[in-house]
């Protein structure tokens, strides 16, 4: 009988955090669909396609907030990339927390990519496939080599603009394109 490959603790955390990212996306998608009719009166009038995209943008926003917060914490507030905390080069540093967060992000990108493929091209075309594919590829390389996480985290911090993009879409679908909040959101998106 052939021996099964053994996973290290590090690989187990990657897989567990990736799975956690997928489950979280599904839960947030369902919760968004459940609470949206109570928070937005026009939700019931949306087409099935618009409701699906609305809920998808719910977990996109959730991941963006988690990504921005975790990246900010790991880059600025933790001692992971502090020059006095280790003799390793900054590009060679990683931690269990950074590895788990990157695994969680791979779970998000896998979930969103599955939604894009399932509803192609309603949720985005080939540019979304390319974006998600390159994101997963670069995160995976960083996880496997334990190198370059500082750069991946800097890029993931740029997810902080995603909530503004999603709010813009929400306001457009809600017919609030001429509202003051739409203008303020656009200004925040510009500065982001």
Protein backbone atom coordinates (compact mmCIF):
# COMPACT_ATOMS: atom_id res chain seq x y z
CA UNK A 1 0.00 0.00 0.00
CA UNK A 2 1.39 3.39 -0.99
CA UNK A 3 2.16 5.87 1.74
CA UNK A 4 0.05 8.99 1.79
CA UNK A 5 2.00 12.24 1.55
CA UNK A 6 2.32 13.93 4.91
CA UNK A 7 1.50 17.57 5.35
CA UNK A 8 3.56 19.83 7.52
CA UNK A 9 1.88 22.06 10.06
CA UNK A 10 2.56 25.02 7.78
CA UNK A 11 0.77 23.39 4.84
CA UNK A 12 -2.12 22.38 7.08
CA UNK A 13 -2.58 26.02 8.14
CA UNK A 14 -2.56 27.10 4.48
CA UNK A 15 -5.24 24.61 3.54
CA UNK A 16 -7.32 25.29 6.65
CA UNK A 17 -7.19 29.05 6.14
CA UNK A 18 -8.02 28.67 2.43
CA UNK A 19 -11.02 26.50 3.34
CA UNK A 20 -12.00 29.05 5.99
CA UNK A 21 -11.89 31.77 3.31
CA UNK A 22 -14.20 29.75 1.05
CA UNK A 23 -16.68 29.02 3.88
CA UNK A 24 -16.61 32.68 4.98
CA UNK A 25 -17.42 33.83 1.45
CA UNK A 26 -20.40 31.48 1.28
CA UNK A 27 -21.66 32.62 4.69
CA UNK A 28 -21.27 36.33 3.89
CA UNK A 29 -22.98 35.80 0.51
CA UNK A 30 -25.96 34.17 2.25
CA UNK A 31 -26.06 36.74 5.07
CA UNK A 32 -25.96 39.59 2.55
CA UNK A 33 -28.94 38.07 0.73
CA UNK A 34 -30.78 37.63 4.03
CA UNK A 35 -30.26 41.12 5.51
CA UNK A 36 -30.39 43.20 2.30
CA UNK A 37 -34.23 43.20 2.02
CA UNK A 38 -34.39 44.67 5.53
CA UNK A 39 -31.74 47.34 4.85
CA UNK A 40 -32.62 48.26 1.27
CA UNK A 41 -36.26 48.47 0.25
CA UNK A 42 -35.47 48.13 -3.44
CA UNK A 43 -33.66 44.79 -3.04
CA UNK A 44 -36.87 42.86 -3.79
CA UNK A 45 -37.26 44.71 -7.08
CA UNK A 46 -33.81 43.74 -8.32
CA UNK A 47 -33.52 41.09 -11.01
CA UNK A 48 -32.06 37.72 -10.05
CA UNK A 49 -28.81 38.70 -11.79
CA UNK A 50 -28.63 41.97 -9.83
CA UNK A 51 -29.36 40.18 -6.54
CA UNK A 52 -26.62 37.67 -7.27
CA UNK A 53 -24.14 40.45 -8.04
CA UNK A 54 -25.33 42.41 -4.98
CA UNK A 55 -24.62 39.43 -2.72
CA UNK A 56 -21.32 38.72 -4.48
CA UNK A 57 -20.22 42.29 -3.83
CA UNK A 58 -21.12 41.70 -0.18
CA UNK A 59 -18.40 39.11 0.26
CA UNK A 60 -16.08 41.11 -1.98
CA UNK A 61 -16.46 44.05 0.40
CA UNK A 62 -16.02 41.81 3.43
CA UNK A 63 -12.76 40.39 2.07
CA UNK A 64 -11.54 43.87 1.13
CA UNK A 65 -12.08 45.11 4.68
CA UNK A 66 -10.32 42.06 6.16
CA UNK A 67 -7.48 42.37 3.61
CA UNK A 68 -6.95 46.07 4.29
CA UNK A 69 -7.03 45.62 8.05
CA UNK A 70 -4.75 42.55 8.11
CA UNK A 71 -2.28 44.08 5.65
CA UNK A 72 -2.13 47.33 7.61
CA UNK A 73 -1.60 45.43 10.86
CA UNK A 74 1.10 43.13 9.46
CA UNK A 75 2.92 45.90 7.60
CA UNK A 76 2.84 48.67 10.20
CA UNK A 77 1.86 47.45 13.63
CA UNK A 78 3.27 43.96 13.99
CA UNK A 79 6.98 43.46 14.36
CA UNK A 80 7.13 41.07 11.39
CA UNK A 81 8.77 43.61 9.09
CA UNK A 82 10.45 45.72 11.78
CA UNK A 83 14.12 46.01 10.86
CA UNK A 84 15.23 45.24 14.43
CA UNK A 85 13.03 42.16 14.92
CA UNK A 86 15.02 39.68 12.85
CA UNK A 87 18.29 39.22 11.02
CA UNK A 88 16.45 37.89 7.96
CA UNK A 89 16.00 40.12 4.97
CA UNK A 90 12.58 41.79 4.99
CA UNK A 91 11.62 39.99 1.77
CA UNK A 92 12.28 36.61 3.43
CA UNK A 93 10.01 37.13 6.44
CA UNK A 94 6.71 35.42 7.10
CA UNK A 95 4.69 34.33 10.11
CA UNK A 96 1.85 31.97 10.89
CA UNK A 97 -0.54 34.94 10.89
CA UNK A 98 0.66 36.26 7.52
CA UNK A 99 0.54 32.75 6.03
CA UNK A 100 -2.98 32.17 7.32
CA UNK A 101 -4.18 35.52 6.05
CA UNK A 102 -2.73 34.86 2.60
CA UNK A 103 -4.39 31.42 2.62
CA UNK A 104 -7.69 33.09 3.55
CA UNK A 105 -7.27 35.45 0.58
CA UNK A 106 -6.66 32.52 -1.76
CA UNK A 107 -9.95 31.08 -0.48
CA UNK A 108 -11.67 34.35 -1.33
CA UNK A 109 -10.14 34.50 -4.82
CA UNK A 110 -11.11 30.86 -5.46
CA UNK A 111 -14.70 31.54 -4.34
CA UNK A 112 -15.03 34.68 -6.42
CA UNK A 113 -13.42 33.01 -9.43
CA UNK A 114 -15.88 30.11 -9.12
CA UNK A 115 -18.75 32.63 -9.09
CA UNK A 116 -17.31 34.40 -12.14
CA UNK A 117 -17.05 31.10 -14.04
CA UNK A 118 -20.47 29.90 -12.90
CA UNK A 119 -22.19 33.10 -14.06
CA UNK A 120 -19.79 34.03 -16.86
CA UNK A 121 -19.79 36.80 -18.08
CA UNK A 122 -22.40 38.35 -15.75
CA UNK A 123 -19.93 38.99 -12.88
CA UNK A 124 -17.01 39.95 -15.08
CA UNK A 125 -15.20 38.86 -18.14
CA UNK A 126 -11.73 37.66 -18.86
CA UNK A 127 -10.20 40.61 -16.98
CA UNK A 128 -11.62 39.22 -13.72
CA UNK A 129 -10.31 35.75 -14.54
CA UNK A 130 -6.87 37.22 -15.26
CA UNK A 131 -6.92 39.38 -12.10
CA UNK A 132 -7.95 36.51 -9.83
CA UNK A 133 -5.61 34.04 -11.52
CA UNK A 134 -2.59 36.32 -11.19
CA UNK A 135 -3.53 37.14 -7.59
CA UNK A 136 -3.75 33.48 -6.61
CA UNK A 137 -0.53 32.68 -8.49
CA UNK A 138 1.47 35.43 -6.77
CA UNK A 139 0.04 34.66 -3.32
CA UNK A 140 0.73 30.94 -3.80
CA UNK A 141 4.33 31.59 -4.84
CA UNK A 142 4.83 33.81 -1.82
CA UNK A 143 3.35 31.18 0.50
CA UNK A 144 5.38 28.30 -0.92
CA UNK A 145 8.68 30.19 -0.96
CA UNK A 146 8.04 32.26 2.22
CA UNK A 147 9.40 35.20 0.27
CA UNK A 148 7.98 38.50 -0.89
CA UNK A 149 5.09 38.61 1.57
CA UNK A 150 5.76 42.28 2.27
CA UNK A 151 5.03 43.05 -1.40
CA UNK A 152 1.92 40.84 -1.51
CA UNK A 153 0.60 42.57 1.62
CA UNK A 154 1.21 45.99 0.06
CA UNK A 155 -0.81 44.95 -2.97
CA UNK A 156 -3.56 43.44 -0.81
CA UNK A 157 -3.77 46.73 1.10
CA UNK A 158 -4.96 48.27 -2.18
CA UNK A 159 -8.13 46.21 -1.65
CA UNK A 160 -9.10 49.08 0.69
CA UNK A 161 -10.60 50.83 -2.38
CA UNK A 162 -12.90 47.88 -3.19
CA UNK A 163 -15.66 48.89 -0.73
CA UNK A 164 -15.89 52.27 -2.47
CA UNK A 165 -16.15 50.59 -5.88
CA UNK A 166 -18.89 48.32 -4.52
CA UNK A 167 -20.75 51.19 -2.83
CA UNK A 168 -20.67 53.03 -6.16
CA UNK A 169 -22.29 50.02 -7.82
CA UNK A 170 -24.86 49.67 -5.00
CA UNK A 171 -25.83 53.34 -5.27
CA UNK A 172 -26.07 53.11 -9.06
CA UNK A 173 -28.38 50.06 -8.87
CA UNK A 174 -30.42 51.79 -6.15
CA UNK A 175 -30.97 54.79 -8.43
CA UNK A 176 -28.98 57.13 -6.19
CA UNK A 177 -26.41 58.17 -8.78
CA UNK A 178 -27.22 61.86 -8.32
CA UNK A 179 -27.08 61.76 -4.50
CA UNK A 180 -24.54 63.53 -2.33
CA UNK A 181 -23.28 60.24 -0.90
CA UNK A 182 -22.49 59.07 -4.44
CA UNK A 183 -20.30 62.15 -4.93
CA UNK A 184 -18.57 61.73 -1.54
CA UNK A 185 -17.98 58.05 -2.29
CA UNK A 186 -16.41 59.02 -5.64
CA UNK A 187 -14.09 61.47 -3.90
CA UNK A 188 -13.09 58.80 -1.35
CA UNK A 189 -12.47 56.35 -4.20
CA UNK A 190 -10.31 58.90 -5.99
CA UNK A 191 -8.17 59.51 -2.91
CA UNK A 192 -8.01 55.78 -2.16
